[in-house]
Amino acid sequence: MLSRRLIVKAGAATAALGAIVSSRALLAGKEEMKFEVTRSEEEWKKILTPEQYYVLREHGTEYAFSSPLDKHFEPGTYHCAGCDLPLFSSETKFDSGTGWPSFWKPLDDAIGTSEDRTLWFMVRTEVHCRRCGGHLGHVFEDGPPPTGLRYCINGVALKFVPKSTNSSS
């Protein structure tokens, strides 16, 4: 899977066909939505690493197999790196072999979804934090039972909270 940054650099011909929606345009659309946690671009840049900002605020994608959370299977909860909202339980995490942390179910009332048309001739379902609107990844219909879903999430968008220090697990 290519990152949006790489896709945007792919060439003027692709962009001219209207196949790419800029991450700024997507972000602007998210900013028009109402979220509990809102910050200015400058505030986000102060609290997030450059990688977190790229993924959460610019709808980027980290490189496959780059996140230590991909092969992390300790008991606990995965929170949004932007606003600390609990998103996924370790009980729903599985090794999808894709190179990104994958889950078959989010926690209740944790995520939102929207249509993503940034890839040429492809429509995907984007997953974002319902509290701050941060881009987390995408959901696909090739996951394991019981849901059949695979929430393919950028590790840099997550913060792991071990069960021993997590009051919600």
N, C-alpha and C. Protein backbone atom coordinates (compact mmCIF):
# COMPACT_ATOMS: atom_id res chain seq x y z
N MET A 1 0.85 -1.17 0.00
CA MET A 1 0.00 0.00 0.00
C MET A 1 0.89 1.23 0.00
N LEU A 2 0.65 2.16 -0.88
CA LEU A 2 1.43 3.38 -0.96
C LEU A 2 0.85 4.43 -0.03
N SER A 3 1.72 5.27 0.49
CA SER A 3 1.22 6.37 1.31
C SER A 3 0.63 7.43 0.40
N ARG A 4 -0.23 8.26 0.96
CA ARG A 4 -0.83 9.33 0.16
C ARG A 4 0.25 10.28 -0.33
N ARG A 5 1.27 10.50 0.49
CA ARG A 5 2.35 11.38 0.08
C ARG A 5 3.01 10.84 -1.18
N LEU A 6 3.25 9.53 -1.23
CA LEU A 6 3.85 8.92 -2.41
C LEU A 6 2.89 8.96 -3.60
N ILE A 7 1.63 8.76 -3.36
CA ILE A 7 0.64 8.78 -4.43
C ILE A 7 0.56 10.17 -5.05
N VAL A 8 0.56 11.21 -4.21
CA VAL A 8 0.47 12.57 -4.72
C VAL A 8 1.67 12.88 -5.60
N LYS A 9 2.83 12.31 -5.29
CA LYS A 9 4.03 12.53 -6.09
C LYS A 9 4.07 11.66 -7.34
N ALA A 10 3.08 10.79 -7.52
CA ALA A 10 3.10 9.84 -8.63
C ALA A 10 3.04 10.49 -9.99
N GLY A 11 2.46 11.67 -10.13
CA GLY A 11 2.49 12.33 -11.42
C GLY A 11 1.28 13.18 -11.70
N ALA A 12 1.49 14.14 -12.58
CA ALA A 12 0.44 15.08 -12.93
C ALA A 12 -0.69 14.42 -13.70
N ALA A 13 -0.39 13.37 -14.46
CA ALA A 13 -1.44 12.71 -15.25
C ALA A 13 -2.50 12.11 -14.34
N THR A 14 -2.07 11.46 -13.27
CA THR A 14 -3.03 10.88 -12.33
C THR A 14 -3.85 11.97 -11.67
N ALA A 15 -3.18 13.02 -11.24
CA ALA A 15 -3.88 14.13 -10.58
C ALA A 15 -4.85 14.80 -11.55
N ALA A 16 -4.45 14.93 -12.81
CA ALA A 16 -5.31 15.58 -13.80
C ALA A 16 -6.59 14.80 -14.03
N LEU A 17 -6.54 13.50 -13.85
CA LEU A 17 -7.73 12.68 -14.01
C LEU A 17 -8.69 12.81 -12.84
N GLY A 18 -8.27 13.53 -11.84
CA GLY A 18 -9.14 13.73 -10.68
C GLY A 18 -9.19 12.52 -9.76
N ALA A 19 -8.22 11.64 -9.91
CA ALA A 19 -8.21 10.42 -9.11
C ALA A 19 -7.69 10.65 -7.71
N ILE A 20 -7.01 11.75 -7.51
CA ILE A 20 -6.42 12.01 -6.20
C ILE A 20 -7.09 13.21 -5.57
N VAL A 21 -7.54 13.02 -4.36
CA VAL A 21 -8.07 14.11 -3.58
C VAL A 21 -6.97 14.49 -2.61
N SER A 22 -6.59 15.75 -2.60
CA SER A 22 -5.46 16.14 -1.75
C SER A 22 -5.80 15.90 -0.28
N SER A 23 -4.77 15.58 0.49
CA SER A 23 -4.99 15.35 1.91
C SER A 23 -5.45 16.64 2.58
N ARG A 24 -5.05 17.78 2.08
CA ARG A 24 -5.52 19.05 2.62
C ARG A 24 -7.03 19.19 2.44
N ALA A 25 -7.54 18.81 1.28
CA ALA A 25 -8.98 18.89 1.03
C ALA A 25 -9.72 17.95 1.96
N LEU A 26 -9.18 16.74 2.16
CA LEU A 26 -9.82 15.80 3.08
C LEU A 26 -9.79 16.34 4.50
N LEU A 27 -8.64 16.90 4.88
CA LEU A 27 -8.52 17.46 6.21
C LEU A 27 -9.48 18.62 6.40
N ALA A 28 -9.59 19.46 5.39
CA ALA A 28 -10.52 20.59 5.49
C ALA A 28 -11.95 20.09 5.70
N GLY A 29 -12.31 19.01 5.03
CA GLY A 29 -13.63 18.43 5.21
C GLY A 29 -13.83 17.94 6.62
N LYS A 30 -12.79 17.35 7.21
CA LYS A 30 -12.88 16.87 8.58
C LYS A 30 -13.01 18.04 9.55
N GLU A 31 -12.30 19.14 9.27
CA GLU A 31 -12.35 20.28 10.17
C GLU A 31 -13.73 20.92 10.18
N GLU A 32 -14.49 20.77 9.11
CA GLU A 32 -15.84 21.31 9.07
C GLU A 32 -16.78 20.49 9.96
N MET A 33 -16.43 19.24 10.21
CA MET A 33 -17.23 18.40 11.09
C MET A 33 -16.96 18.83 12.53
N LYS A 34 -17.90 18.56 13.39
CA LYS A 34 -17.75 18.92 14.80
C LYS A 34 -17.17 17.75 15.58
N PHE A 35 -16.07 17.99 16.25
CA PHE A 35 -15.44 16.99 17.09
C PHE A 35 -15.28 17.55 18.49
N GLU A 36 -15.28 16.66 19.48
CA GLU A 36 -15.12 17.09 20.87
C GLU A 36 -13.76 17.74 21.10
N VAL A 37 -12.71 17.17 20.48
CA VAL A 37 -11.37 17.70 20.62
C VAL A 37 -11.00 18.40 19.32
N THR A 38 -10.79 19.71 19.42
CA THR A 38 -10.37 20.48 18.25
C THR A 38 -9.15 21.31 18.63
N ARG A 39 -8.25 21.40 17.69
CA ARG A 39 -7.03 22.19 17.88
C ARG A 39 -6.67 22.85 16.56
N SER A 40 -5.90 23.90 16.63
CA SER A 40 -5.41 24.53 15.41
C SER A 40 -4.29 23.64 14.84
N GLU A 41 -3.95 23.88 13.60
CA GLU A 41 -2.87 23.13 12.96
C GLU A 41 -1.57 23.29 13.77
N GLU A 42 -1.31 24.48 14.24
CA GLU A 42 -0.10 24.74 15.03
C GLU A 42 -0.12 23.96 16.35
N GLU A 43 -1.29 23.91 17.00
CA GLU A 43 -1.40 23.15 18.25
C GLU A 43 -1.16 21.67 18.02
N TRP A 44 -1.75 21.12 16.93
CA TRP A 44 -1.52 19.70 16.62
C TRP A 44 -0.04 19.45 16.39
N LYS A 45 0.63 20.33 15.68
CA LYS A 45 2.05 20.15 15.38
C LYS A 45 2.90 20.18 16.64
N LYS A 46 2.46 20.90 17.66
CA LYS A 46 3.20 20.96 18.92
C LYS A 46 3.07 19.68 19.74
N ILE A 47 1.91 19.02 19.67
CA ILE A 47 1.70 17.84 20.52
C ILE A 47 1.96 16.51 19.82
N LEU A 48 2.03 16.52 18.49
CA LEU A 48 2.26 15.28 17.74
C LEU A 48 3.65 15.27 17.13
N THR A 49 4.21 14.08 16.97
CA THR A 49 5.46 13.96 16.23
C THR A 49 5.16 14.26 14.76
N PRO A 50 6.17 14.54 13.95
CA PRO A 50 5.90 14.76 12.52
C PRO A 50 5.20 13.57 11.86
N GLU A 51 5.57 12.34 12.24
CA GLU A 51 4.93 11.15 11.68
C GLU A 51 3.47 11.06 12.10
N GLN A 52 3.20 11.32 13.38
CA GLN A 52 1.82 11.30 13.87
C GLN A 52 0.98 12.37 13.18
N TYR A 53 1.54 13.55 13.01
CA TYR A 53 0.82 14.63 12.35
C TYR A 53 0.49 14.24 10.90
N TYR A 54 1.47 13.68 10.21
CA TYR A 54 1.27 13.27 8.82
C TYR A 54 0.12 12.27 8.71
N VAL A 55 0.07 11.29 9.59
CA VAL A 55 -0.97 10.26 9.52
C VAL A 55 -2.30 10.79 10.06
N LEU A 56 -2.31 11.30 11.26
CA LEU A 56 -3.56 11.70 11.91
C LEU A 56 -4.22 12.93 11.28
N ARG A 57 -3.44 13.92 10.90
CA ARG A 57 -4.01 15.18 10.42
C ARG A 57 -3.97 15.34 8.90
N GLU A 58 -3.01 14.68 8.22
CA GLU A 58 -2.90 14.80 6.77
C GLU A 58 -3.32 13.52 6.05
N HIS A 59 -3.86 12.57 6.78
CA HIS A 59 -4.37 11.32 6.21
C HIS A 59 -3.29 10.50 5.53
N GLY A 60 -2.10 10.52 6.10
CA GLY A 60 -0.99 9.76 5.55
C GLY A 60 -1.04 8.30 5.94
N THR A 61 -0.07 7.55 5.45
CA THR A 61 0.06 6.13 5.77
C THR A 61 1.52 5.85 6.09
N GLU A 62 1.77 5.20 7.22
CA GLU A 62 3.13 4.82 7.55
C GLU A 62 3.55 3.63 6.68
N TYR A 63 4.84 3.41 6.58
CA TYR A 63 5.33 2.27 5.80
C TYR A 63 4.91 0.96 6.47
N ALA A 64 4.55 -0.01 5.66
CA ALA A 64 4.20 -1.34 6.17
C ALA A 64 5.38 -1.91 6.95
N PHE A 65 5.07 -2.63 8.01
CA PHE A 65 6.04 -3.32 8.87
C PHE A 65 6.96 -2.35 9.62
N SER A 66 6.61 -1.06 9.68
CA SER A 66 7.46 -0.10 10.38
C SER A 66 7.04 0.11 11.83
N SER A 67 5.83 -0.30 12.20
CA SER A 67 5.34 -0.06 13.55
C SER A 67 5.62 -1.23 14.48
N PRO A 68 6.20 -0.97 15.63
CA PRO A 68 6.37 -2.04 16.62
C PRO A 68 5.03 -2.60 17.12
N LEU A 69 3.96 -1.83 16.96
CA LEU A 69 2.65 -2.30 17.41
C LEU A 69 2.06 -3.37 16.50
N ASP A 70 2.62 -3.54 15.30
CA ASP A 70 2.12 -4.57 14.39
C ASP A 70 2.23 -5.96 15.02
N LYS A 71 3.34 -6.26 15.64
CA LYS A 71 3.56 -7.59 16.25
C LYS A 71 3.44 -7.55 17.77
N HIS A 72 2.75 -6.56 18.29
CA HIS A 72 2.56 -6.40 19.73
C HIS A 72 1.23 -7.02 20.14
N PHE A 73 1.28 -8.00 21.05
CA PHE A 73 0.05 -8.71 21.43
C PHE A 73 -0.14 -8.81 22.94
N GLU A 74 0.32 -7.84 23.69
CA GLU A 74 0.13 -7.82 25.13
C GLU A 74 -1.30 -7.37 25.46
N PRO A 75 -1.83 -7.76 26.62
CA PRO A 75 -3.17 -7.32 27.01
C PRO A 75 -3.21 -5.82 27.29
N GLY A 76 -4.24 -5.17 26.78
CA GLY A 76 -4.39 -3.74 27.01
C GLY A 76 -5.32 -3.11 26.00
N THR A 77 -5.20 -1.82 25.88
CA THR A 77 -6.07 -1.04 25.00
C THR A 77 -5.23 -0.12 24.14
N TYR A 78 -5.66 0.03 22.90
CA TYR A 78 -4.99 0.93 21.95
C TYR A 78 -5.80 2.23 21.89
N HIS A 79 -5.13 3.34 22.21
CA HIS A 79 -5.77 4.65 22.28
C HIS A 79 -5.35 5.49 21.08
N CYS A 80 -6.13 6.52 20.80
CA CYS A 80 -5.78 7.50 19.77
C CYS A 80 -4.57 8.30 20.25
N ALA A 81 -3.55 8.40 19.41
CA ALA A 81 -2.34 9.16 19.76
C ALA A 81 -2.63 10.66 19.79
N GLY A 82 -3.73 11.08 19.19
CA GLY A 82 -4.06 12.50 19.17
C GLY A 82 -4.84 12.99 20.37
N CYS A 83 -5.77 12.17 20.86
CA CYS A 83 -6.64 12.64 21.96
C CYS A 83 -6.80 11.63 23.09
N ASP A 84 -6.14 10.50 23.00
CA ASP A 84 -6.12 9.47 24.05
C ASP A 84 -7.46 8.73 24.22
N LEU A 85 -8.35 8.79 23.25
CA LEU A 85 -9.60 8.04 23.32
C LEU A 85 -9.30 6.55 23.13
N PRO A 86 -9.78 5.67 24.00
CA PRO A 86 -9.62 4.24 23.77
C PRO A 86 -10.35 3.83 22.49
N LEU A 87 -9.65 3.11 21.60
CA LEU A 87 -10.19 2.75 20.28
C LEU A 87 -10.39 1.26 20.09
N PHE A 88 -9.38 0.46 20.46
CA PHE A 88 -9.40 -0.98 20.21
C PHE A 88 -8.88 -1.74 21.41
N SER A 89 -9.46 -2.89 21.67
CA SER A 89 -8.98 -3.79 22.72
C SER A 89 -7.98 -4.77 22.11
N SER A 90 -6.99 -5.14 22.89
CA SER A 90 -6.03 -6.15 22.43
C SER A 90 -6.74 -7.48 22.17
N GLU A 91 -7.91 -7.68 22.74
CA GLU A 91 -8.66 -8.93 22.54
C GLU A 91 -9.17 -9.07 21.11
N THR A 92 -9.24 -7.97 20.36
CA THR A 92 -9.72 -8.03 18.98
C THR A 92 -8.59 -7.85 17.96
N LYS A 93 -7.35 -7.83 18.45
CA LYS A 93 -6.19 -7.65 17.56
C LYS A 93 -5.79 -9.00 16.97
N PHE A 94 -5.35 -9.00 15.72
CA PHE A 94 -4.86 -10.23 15.08
C PHE A 94 -3.75 -9.88 14.11
N ASP A 95 -2.96 -10.87 13.75
CA ASP A 95 -1.86 -10.69 12.80
C ASP A 95 -2.40 -10.92 11.40
N SER A 96 -2.61 -9.84 10.67
CA SER A 96 -3.17 -9.93 9.32
C SER A 96 -2.11 -10.20 8.27
N GLY A 97 -0.83 -10.04 8.64
CA GLY A 97 0.25 -10.22 7.69
C GLY A 97 0.42 -9.05 6.73
N THR A 98 -0.31 -7.95 6.96
CA THR A 98 -0.26 -6.80 6.05
C THR A 98 0.84 -5.81 6.41
N GLY A 99 1.35 -5.88 7.65
CA GLY A 99 2.37 -4.94 8.08
C GLY A 99 1.83 -3.78 8.90
N TRP A 100 0.54 -3.78 9.17
CA TRP A 100 -0.08 -2.76 10.02
C TRP A 100 -0.86 -3.45 11.14
N PRO A 101 -0.94 -2.82 12.31
CA PRO A 101 -1.79 -3.39 13.37
C PRO A 101 -3.22 -3.56 12.85
N SER A 102 -3.79 -4.73 13.10
CA SER A 102 -5.13 -5.03 12.58
C SER A 102 -6.03 -5.54 13.70
N PHE A 103 -7.29 -5.14 13.61
CA PHE A 103 -8.29 -5.49 14.61
C PHE A 103 -9.56 -5.90 13.89
N TRP A 104 -10.36 -6.79 14.51
CA TRP A 104 -11.61 -7.19 13.87
C TRP A 104 -12.81 -6.41 14.41
N LYS A 105 -12.59 -5.57 15.43
CA LYS A 105 -13.69 -4.78 15.98
C LYS A 105 -13.14 -3.63 16.81
N PRO A 106 -13.69 -2.41 16.63
CA PRO A 106 -13.31 -1.30 17.51
C PRO A 106 -14.13 -1.34 18.80
N LEU A 107 -13.72 -0.56 19.76
CA LEU A 107 -14.52 -0.39 20.96
C LEU A 107 -15.79 0.39 20.59
N ASP A 108 -16.84 0.21 21.38
CA ASP A 108 -18.10 0.92 21.12
C ASP A 108 -17.88 2.43 21.14
N ASP A 109 -18.49 3.12 20.19
CA ASP A 109 -18.47 4.58 20.09
C ASP A 109 -17.07 5.17 20.05
N ALA A 110 -16.12 4.45 19.40
CA ALA A 110 -14.74 4.91 19.36
C ALA A 110 -14.34 5.52 18.02
N ILE A 111 -14.91 5.01 16.94
CA ILE A 111 -14.46 5.45 15.62
C ILE A 111 -15.61 6.00 14.78
N GLY A 112 -15.22 6.69 13.74
CA GLY A 112 -16.14 7.11 12.69
C GLY A 112 -15.56 6.61 11.38
N THR A 113 -16.37 6.59 10.35
CA THR A 113 -15.89 6.18 9.03
C THR A 113 -16.35 7.19 7.98
N SER A 114 -15.63 7.21 6.89
CA SER A 114 -16.00 8.05 5.76
C SER A 114 -15.48 7.41 4.48
N GLU A 115 -15.99 7.87 3.36
CA GLU A 115 -15.56 7.34 2.07
C GLU A 115 -14.23 7.97 1.68
N ASP A 116 -13.31 7.14 1.21
CA ASP A 116 -11.99 7.59 0.80
C ASP A 116 -11.80 7.23 -0.68
N ARG A 117 -11.66 8.25 -1.51
CA ARG A 117 -11.48 8.05 -2.95
C ARG A 117 -10.13 8.56 -3.42
N THR A 118 -9.08 8.43 -2.59
CA THR A 118 -7.77 8.96 -2.95
C THR A 118 -6.99 8.06 -3.89
N LEU A 119 -7.38 6.82 -4.03
CA LEU A 119 -6.70 5.92 -4.96
C LEU A 119 -7.50 5.82 -6.24
N TRP A 120 -6.82 5.78 -7.33
CA TRP A 120 -7.42 5.74 -8.65
C TRP A 120 -8.36 4.57 -8.81
N PHE A 121 -9.62 4.80 -9.18
CA PHE A 121 -10.64 3.78 -9.40
C PHE A 121 -10.89 2.89 -8.18
N MET A 122 -10.65 3.38 -6.99
CA MET A 122 -10.83 2.56 -5.80
C MET A 122 -11.53 3.38 -4.72
N VAL A 123 -12.53 2.80 -4.11
CA VAL A 123 -13.21 3.43 -2.98
C VAL A 123 -12.91 2.59 -1.75
N ARG A 124 -12.40 3.24 -0.72
CA ARG A 124 -12.13 2.55 0.54
C ARG A 124 -12.92 3.23 1.64
N THR A 125 -13.02 2.55 2.78
CA THR A 125 -13.67 3.14 3.94
C THR A 125 -12.60 3.56 4.92
N GLU A 126 -12.50 4.88 5.12
CA GLU A 126 -11.52 5.43 6.05
C GLU A 126 -12.05 5.30 7.47
N VAL A 127 -11.14 5.05 8.40
CA VAL A 127 -11.46 4.98 9.82
C VAL A 127 -10.81 6.18 10.49
N HIS A 128 -11.59 6.90 11.29
CA HIS A 128 -11.03 8.02 12.04
C HIS A 128 -11.53 8.01 13.47
N CYS A 129 -10.80 8.67 14.34
CA CYS A 129 -11.19 8.81 15.74
C CYS A 129 -12.44 9.67 15.81
N ARG A 130 -13.47 9.19 16.48
CA ARG A 130 -14.72 9.93 16.53
C ARG A 130 -14.60 11.17 17.42
N ARG A 131 -13.59 11.23 18.31
CA ARG A 131 -13.47 12.38 19.21
C ARG A 131 -12.65 13.53 18.62
N CYS A 132 -11.54 13.22 17.91
CA CYS A 132 -10.71 14.30 17.36
C CYS A 132 -10.67 14.31 15.83
N GLY A 133 -11.24 13.28 15.19
CA GLY A 133 -11.26 13.22 13.74
C GLY A 133 -9.98 12.74 13.11
N GLY A 134 -9.00 12.35 13.93
CA GLY A 134 -7.71 11.91 13.40
C GLY A 134 -7.85 10.68 12.51
N HIS A 135 -7.14 10.69 11.38
CA HIS A 135 -7.13 9.55 10.46
C HIS A 135 -6.36 8.40 11.11
N LEU A 136 -7.00 7.22 11.15
CA LEU A 136 -6.37 6.05 11.75
C LEU A 136 -5.92 5.04 10.71
N GLY A 137 -6.72 4.83 9.69
CA GLY A 137 -6.43 3.83 8.66
C GLY A 137 -7.68 3.55 7.86
N HIS A 138 -7.88 2.27 7.53
CA HIS A 138 -9.05 1.88 6.71
C HIS A 138 -9.61 0.56 7.23
N VAL A 139 -10.86 0.28 6.87
CA VAL A 139 -11.48 -0.99 7.22
C VAL A 139 -11.81 -1.74 5.93
N PHE A 140 -11.52 -3.04 5.94
CA PHE A 140 -11.73 -3.90 4.78
C PHE A 140 -12.58 -5.10 5.18
N GLU A 141 -13.21 -5.73 4.21
CA GLU A 141 -14.11 -6.87 4.48
C GLU A 141 -13.41 -8.20 4.26
N ASP A 142 -12.15 -8.30 4.69
CA ASP A 142 -11.40 -9.55 4.54
C ASP A 142 -10.81 -10.01 5.87
N GLY A 143 -11.48 -9.67 6.96
CA GLY A 143 -11.00 -10.02 8.29
C GLY A 143 -11.56 -11.34 8.79
N PRO A 144 -11.15 -11.71 9.99
CA PRO A 144 -11.58 -12.99 10.56
C PRO A 144 -12.97 -12.91 11.20
N PRO A 145 -13.54 -14.06 11.51
CA PRO A 145 -14.79 -14.08 12.28
C PRO A 145 -14.53 -13.46 13.65
N PRO A 146 -15.48 -12.94 14.32
CA PRO A 146 -16.89 -13.02 14.00
C PRO A 146 -17.40 -11.89 13.10
N THR A 147 -16.61 -10.83 12.87
CA THR A 147 -17.11 -9.69 12.10
C THR A 147 -16.79 -9.79 10.61
N GLY A 148 -15.72 -10.47 10.26
CA GLY A 148 -15.26 -10.51 8.88
C GLY A 148 -14.60 -9.21 8.45
N LEU A 149 -14.33 -8.32 9.40
CA LEU A 149 -13.74 -7.02 9.10
C LEU A 149 -12.28 -6.99 9.54
N ARG A 150 -11.48 -6.18 8.81
CA ARG A 150 -10.09 -5.94 9.17
C ARG A 150 -9.88 -4.43 9.25
N TYR A 151 -9.77 -3.94 10.47
CA TYR A 151 -9.45 -2.54 10.69
C TYR A 151 -7.93 -2.43 10.62
N CYS A 152 -7.43 -1.93 9.51
CA CYS A 152 -6.01 -1.82 9.22
C CYS A 152 -5.57 -0.42 9.67
N ILE A 153 -4.85 -0.36 10.79
CA ILE A 153 -4.62 0.90 11.48
C ILE A 153 -3.13 1.25 11.50
N ASN A 154 -2.82 2.50 11.25
CA ASN A 154 -1.44 2.96 11.34
C ASN A 154 -1.00 2.93 12.80
N GLY A 155 0.11 2.25 13.07
CA GLY A 155 0.60 2.15 14.44
C GLY A 155 0.95 3.50 15.04
N VAL A 156 1.44 4.42 14.22
CA VAL A 156 1.82 5.74 14.71
C VAL A 156 0.61 6.53 15.19
N ALA A 157 -0.59 6.15 14.77
CA ALA A 157 -1.82 6.82 15.20
C ALA A 157 -2.32 6.27 16.53
N LEU A 158 -1.65 5.24 17.04
CA LEU A 158 -2.10 4.57 18.26
C LEU A 158 -1.11 4.76 19.41
N LYS A 159 -1.64 4.66 20.62
CA LYS A 159 -0.83 4.62 21.83
C LYS A 159 -1.32 3.41 22.62
N PHE A 160 -0.43 2.48 22.93
CA PHE A 160 -0.83 1.28 23.67
C PHE A 160 -0.80 1.56 25.16
N VAL A 161 -1.88 1.18 25.85
CA VAL A 161 -1.96 1.29 27.30
C VAL A 161 -2.11 -0.12 27.85
N PRO A 162 -1.07 -0.61 28.56
CA PRO A 162 -1.14 -1.98 29.09
C PRO A 162 -2.31 -2.16 30.06
N LYS A 163 -2.80 -3.38 30.14
CA LYS A 163 -3.95 -3.67 30.99
C LYS A 163 -3.71 -3.30 32.45
N SER A 164 -2.51 -3.49 32.94
CA SER A 164 -2.23 -3.20 34.35
C SER A 164 -2.39 -1.73 34.70
N THR A 165 -2.21 -0.83 33.73
CA THR A 165 -2.38 0.60 33.99
C THR A 165 -3.63 1.16 33.32
N ASN A 166 -4.46 0.28 32.78
CA ASN A 166 -5.63 0.71 32.03
C ASN A 166 -6.88 0.43 32.85
N SER A 167 -7.56 1.45 33.26
CA SER A 167 -8.75 1.27 34.09
C SER A 167 -9.97 0.82 33.29
N SER A 168 -9.94 0.96 31.93
CA SER A 168 -11.11 0.58 31.13
C SER A 168 -11.06 -0.86 30.64
N SER A 169 -10.00 -1.59 30.90
CA SER A 169 -9.91 -2.99 30.45
C SER A 169 -10.24 -3.94 31.55
